[in-house]
N, C-alpha and C. Protein backbone atom coordinates (compact mmCIF):
# COMPACT_ATOMS: atom_id res chain seq x y z
N MET A 1 90.45 -18.84 45.17
CA MET A 1 91.57 -17.96 45.04
C MET A 1 92.73 -18.62 44.31
N SER A 2 92.89 -19.93 44.47
CA SER A 2 93.98 -20.60 43.78
C SER A 2 93.60 -20.86 42.33
N SER A 3 94.59 -20.88 41.47
CA SER A 3 94.33 -21.12 40.06
C SER A 3 94.23 -22.61 39.82
N GLY A 4 93.56 -22.97 38.75
CA GLY A 4 93.32 -24.36 38.45
C GLY A 4 94.57 -25.06 37.95
N PRO A 5 94.50 -26.38 37.87
CA PRO A 5 95.64 -27.16 37.45
C PRO A 5 96.16 -26.80 36.07
N SER A 6 95.29 -26.30 35.19
CA SER A 6 95.74 -25.99 33.84
C SER A 6 96.68 -24.78 33.80
N THR A 7 96.64 -23.93 34.83
CA THR A 7 97.51 -22.76 34.84
C THR A 7 98.73 -22.94 35.74
N GLN A 8 98.78 -24.01 36.49
CA GLN A 8 99.91 -24.25 37.37
C GLN A 8 100.80 -25.34 36.78
N PRO A 9 102.11 -25.16 36.90
CA PRO A 9 102.99 -26.25 36.49
C PRO A 9 102.69 -27.50 37.31
N ALA A 10 102.87 -28.65 36.71
CA ALA A 10 102.57 -29.92 37.38
C ALA A 10 103.34 -30.06 38.69
N ARG A 11 104.58 -29.60 38.74
CA ARG A 11 105.41 -29.74 39.95
C ARG A 11 104.79 -29.01 41.13
N ILE A 12 104.34 -27.77 40.93
CA ILE A 12 103.76 -27.01 42.05
C ILE A 12 102.43 -27.64 42.47
N THR A 13 101.69 -28.21 41.53
CA THR A 13 100.45 -28.89 41.87
C THR A 13 100.75 -30.11 42.74
N ASP A 14 101.79 -30.87 42.41
CA ASP A 14 102.18 -32.03 43.22
C ASP A 14 102.60 -31.59 44.62
N ILE A 15 103.38 -30.54 44.70
CA ILE A 15 103.83 -30.03 46.00
C ILE A 15 102.64 -29.56 46.81
N THR A 16 101.73 -28.85 46.18
CA THR A 16 100.53 -28.37 46.88
C THR A 16 99.74 -29.53 47.47
N GLU A 17 99.59 -30.60 46.71
CA GLU A 17 98.89 -31.78 47.21
C GLU A 17 99.63 -32.40 48.39
N GLN A 18 100.95 -32.44 48.33
CA GLN A 18 101.75 -32.97 49.43
C GLN A 18 101.60 -32.10 50.68
N VAL A 19 101.59 -30.78 50.50
CA VAL A 19 101.42 -29.87 51.64
C VAL A 19 100.04 -30.07 52.26
N ARG A 20 99.00 -30.11 51.42
CA ARG A 20 97.64 -30.33 51.95
C ARG A 20 97.56 -31.63 52.74
N ALA A 21 98.15 -32.70 52.20
CA ALA A 21 98.10 -34.00 52.87
C ALA A 21 98.85 -33.96 54.21
N ALA A 22 99.99 -33.29 54.24
CA ALA A 22 100.76 -33.19 55.49
C ALA A 22 100.00 -32.38 56.53
N TRP A 23 99.38 -31.28 56.10
CA TRP A 23 98.58 -30.48 57.04
C TRP A 23 97.40 -31.29 57.56
N ALA A 24 96.70 -31.98 56.67
CA ALA A 24 95.52 -32.77 57.07
C ALA A 24 95.92 -33.85 58.07
N ALA A 25 97.05 -34.48 57.85
CA ALA A 25 97.51 -35.51 58.78
C ALA A 25 97.82 -34.91 60.15
N ALA A 26 98.48 -33.76 60.16
CA ALA A 26 98.84 -33.12 61.44
C ALA A 26 97.61 -32.58 62.16
N LEU A 27 96.73 -31.93 61.41
CA LEU A 27 95.55 -31.30 62.02
C LEU A 27 94.42 -32.29 62.29
N GLU A 28 94.47 -33.44 61.61
CA GLU A 28 93.44 -34.47 61.69
C GLU A 28 92.11 -34.00 61.12
N TYR A 29 92.16 -33.09 60.16
CA TYR A 29 91.00 -32.70 59.35
C TYR A 29 91.52 -32.03 58.09
N ASP A 30 90.66 -31.96 57.08
CA ASP A 30 91.12 -31.41 55.81
C ASP A 30 90.21 -30.31 55.25
N THR A 31 89.48 -29.67 56.13
CA THR A 31 88.57 -28.61 55.70
C THR A 31 89.22 -27.25 55.91
N PHE A 32 90.24 -26.97 55.12
CA PHE A 32 90.91 -25.68 55.15
C PHE A 32 91.18 -25.26 53.71
N ALA A 33 91.32 -23.97 53.52
CA ALA A 33 91.59 -23.43 52.19
C ALA A 33 93.08 -23.21 52.01
N ASP A 34 93.50 -23.09 50.77
CA ASP A 34 94.92 -22.90 50.47
C ASP A 34 95.47 -21.59 51.00
N ASP A 35 94.59 -20.64 51.31
CA ASP A 35 95.08 -19.36 51.83
C ASP A 35 94.80 -19.19 53.33
N ASP A 36 94.38 -20.26 54.01
CA ASP A 36 94.21 -20.21 55.47
C ASP A 36 95.56 -20.28 56.16
N ASP A 37 95.73 -19.45 57.18
CA ASP A 37 96.95 -19.47 57.98
C ASP A 37 96.91 -20.68 58.91
N PHE A 38 97.95 -21.49 58.86
CA PHE A 38 98.04 -22.72 59.65
C PHE A 38 97.76 -22.48 61.13
N PHE A 39 98.31 -21.42 61.66
CA PHE A 39 98.18 -21.16 63.09
C PHE A 39 96.79 -20.62 63.45
N ASP A 40 96.12 -20.00 62.51
CA ASP A 40 94.76 -19.51 62.74
C ASP A 40 93.73 -20.63 62.70
N ILE A 41 94.07 -21.75 62.08
CA ILE A 41 93.10 -22.85 61.95
C ILE A 41 93.40 -24.00 62.93
N GLY A 42 94.21 -23.73 63.93
CA GLY A 42 94.44 -24.71 64.98
C GLY A 42 95.79 -25.39 64.98
N GLY A 43 96.64 -25.04 64.04
CA GLY A 43 97.97 -25.62 64.00
C GLY A 43 98.86 -25.00 65.07
N HIS A 44 99.88 -25.73 65.46
CA HIS A 44 100.84 -25.18 66.41
C HIS A 44 102.24 -25.65 66.05
N SER A 45 103.21 -25.07 66.70
CA SER A 45 104.61 -25.28 66.32
C SER A 45 105.07 -26.73 66.44
N LEU A 46 104.45 -27.51 67.31
CA LEU A 46 104.85 -28.91 67.43
C LEU A 46 104.54 -29.69 66.16
N PHE A 47 103.49 -29.27 65.45
CA PHE A 47 103.14 -29.93 64.19
C PHE A 47 104.10 -29.55 63.06
N VAL A 48 104.68 -28.38 63.15
CA VAL A 48 105.52 -27.87 62.06
C VAL A 48 106.69 -28.81 61.78
N ALA A 49 107.36 -29.28 62.81
CA ALA A 49 108.51 -30.18 62.61
C ALA A 49 108.08 -31.46 61.90
N ARG A 50 106.94 -32.03 62.28
CA ARG A 50 106.44 -33.24 61.63
C ARG A 50 106.11 -32.98 60.16
N ILE A 51 105.44 -31.87 59.93
CA ILE A 51 105.05 -31.53 58.55
C ILE A 51 106.27 -31.33 57.68
N MET A 52 107.24 -30.57 58.18
CA MET A 52 108.41 -30.28 57.36
C MET A 52 109.28 -31.51 57.15
N ALA A 53 109.32 -32.40 58.13
CA ALA A 53 110.06 -33.66 57.94
C ALA A 53 109.40 -34.49 56.85
N ARG A 54 108.10 -34.57 56.89
CA ARG A 54 107.35 -35.33 55.87
C ARG A 54 107.56 -34.72 54.48
N LEU A 55 107.45 -33.40 54.39
CA LEU A 55 107.61 -32.74 53.10
C LEU A 55 109.06 -32.82 52.60
N GLY A 56 110.00 -32.71 53.52
CA GLY A 56 111.40 -32.83 53.14
C GLY A 56 111.71 -34.21 52.60
N LYS A 57 111.16 -35.22 53.23
CA LYS A 57 111.36 -36.59 52.75
C LYS A 57 110.78 -36.75 51.35
N ALA A 58 109.60 -36.19 51.12
CA ALA A 58 108.97 -36.27 49.80
C ALA A 58 109.80 -35.55 48.73
N GLN A 59 110.49 -34.47 49.14
CA GLN A 59 111.29 -33.69 48.20
C GLN A 59 112.73 -34.20 48.10
N GLY A 60 113.11 -35.09 48.98
CA GLY A 60 114.46 -35.62 48.95
C GLY A 60 115.51 -34.67 49.49
N GLN A 61 115.09 -33.78 50.37
CA GLN A 61 116.05 -32.86 50.98
C GLN A 61 115.48 -32.31 52.29
N ARG A 62 116.37 -31.81 53.11
CA ARG A 62 115.98 -31.20 54.38
C ARG A 62 115.38 -29.84 54.11
N LEU A 63 114.22 -29.57 54.71
CA LEU A 63 113.58 -28.27 54.58
C LEU A 63 113.62 -27.55 55.92
N SER A 64 113.96 -26.30 55.90
CA SER A 64 114.06 -25.49 57.11
C SER A 64 112.69 -25.25 57.74
N LEU A 65 112.64 -25.31 59.06
CA LEU A 65 111.40 -24.96 59.77
C LEU A 65 111.04 -23.50 59.53
N ARG A 66 112.05 -22.69 59.37
CA ARG A 66 111.83 -21.27 59.12
C ARG A 66 111.00 -21.05 57.84
N LEU A 67 111.20 -21.91 56.86
CA LEU A 67 110.45 -21.83 55.62
C LEU A 67 108.95 -21.89 55.90
N PHE A 68 108.57 -22.74 56.83
CA PHE A 68 107.16 -22.87 57.20
C PHE A 68 106.67 -21.61 57.92
N PHE A 69 107.42 -21.15 58.92
CA PHE A 69 106.98 -20.00 59.70
C PHE A 69 106.87 -18.74 58.85
N GLU A 70 107.68 -18.65 57.80
CA GLU A 70 107.61 -17.50 56.90
C GLU A 70 106.52 -17.66 55.84
N ASN A 71 105.98 -18.87 55.71
CA ASN A 71 104.98 -19.19 54.68
C ASN A 71 103.90 -20.09 55.27
N PRO A 72 103.04 -19.55 56.15
CA PRO A 72 102.11 -20.40 56.89
C PRO A 72 100.78 -20.73 56.20
N THR A 73 100.74 -20.62 54.86
CA THR A 73 99.55 -21.06 54.14
C THR A 73 99.97 -22.16 53.16
N VAL A 74 99.02 -22.97 52.76
CA VAL A 74 99.32 -24.03 51.79
C VAL A 74 99.90 -23.42 50.52
N GLU A 75 99.27 -22.37 50.06
CA GLU A 75 99.70 -21.73 48.81
C GLU A 75 101.13 -21.19 48.91
N SER A 76 101.41 -20.41 49.95
CA SER A 76 102.74 -19.81 50.04
C SER A 76 103.82 -20.85 50.37
N LEU A 77 103.49 -21.83 51.20
CA LEU A 77 104.47 -22.87 51.52
C LEU A 77 104.79 -23.71 50.29
N SER A 78 103.80 -24.02 49.50
CA SER A 78 104.02 -24.79 48.28
C SER A 78 104.97 -24.06 47.35
N ARG A 79 104.75 -22.78 47.17
CA ARG A 79 105.61 -21.98 46.28
C ARG A 79 107.03 -21.85 46.86
N ALA A 80 107.12 -21.70 48.18
CA ALA A 80 108.43 -21.59 48.82
C ALA A 80 109.21 -22.90 48.70
N ILE A 81 108.53 -24.03 48.85
CA ILE A 81 109.20 -25.32 48.70
C ILE A 81 109.65 -25.49 47.26
N GLU A 82 108.81 -25.13 46.32
CA GLU A 82 109.18 -25.23 44.90
C GLU A 82 110.42 -24.39 44.62
N ALA A 83 110.47 -23.16 45.15
CA ALA A 83 111.63 -22.29 44.95
C ALA A 83 112.86 -22.87 45.64
N ASN A 84 112.69 -23.39 46.84
CA ASN A 84 113.80 -23.96 47.61
C ASN A 84 114.39 -25.18 46.89
N VAL A 85 113.53 -26.06 46.43
CA VAL A 85 113.98 -27.26 45.74
C VAL A 85 114.64 -26.87 44.42
N GLY A 86 114.08 -25.88 43.73
CA GLY A 86 114.65 -25.42 42.49
C GLY A 86 116.03 -24.83 42.67
N GLN A 87 116.24 -24.07 43.75
CA GLN A 87 117.54 -23.48 44.04
C GLN A 87 118.57 -24.54 44.34
N ASN A 88 118.14 -25.59 44.99
CA ASN A 88 119.07 -26.65 45.41
C ASN A 88 119.11 -27.81 44.44
N GLY A 89 118.43 -27.64 43.31
CA GLY A 89 118.46 -28.69 42.29
C GLY A 89 117.84 -29.99 42.73
N GLY A 90 117.02 -29.94 43.79
CA GLY A 90 116.40 -31.15 44.28
C GLY A 90 117.35 -32.07 45.01
N GLU A 91 118.55 -31.62 45.23
CA GLU A 91 119.55 -32.43 45.91
C GLU A 91 119.49 -32.22 47.41
N PRO A 92 119.72 -33.24 48.19
CA PRO A 92 119.75 -33.09 49.65
C PRO A 92 120.84 -32.11 50.07
N ARG A 93 120.54 -31.37 51.14
CA ARG A 93 121.53 -30.44 51.69
C ARG A 93 122.30 -31.12 52.79
């Protein structure tokens, strides 16, 4: 369902890889698809804070937990982070 690297900007591809890695670390497995809902595949809210802290550190800014709850797939969270970082110029809030 996701498009290949040649059709995605490099930045969103990097963010997607960071999101996948953060999810895999929290879930302790990496066999999920980019359109799987985090909570349907065994994730829970305690993991969300860890994931968002890790992703925020990678982006150099604080990311809202709400961003995750509104975008509970790798694909949608990656795009939301890209939009959030773009709006804030990549600067810490």
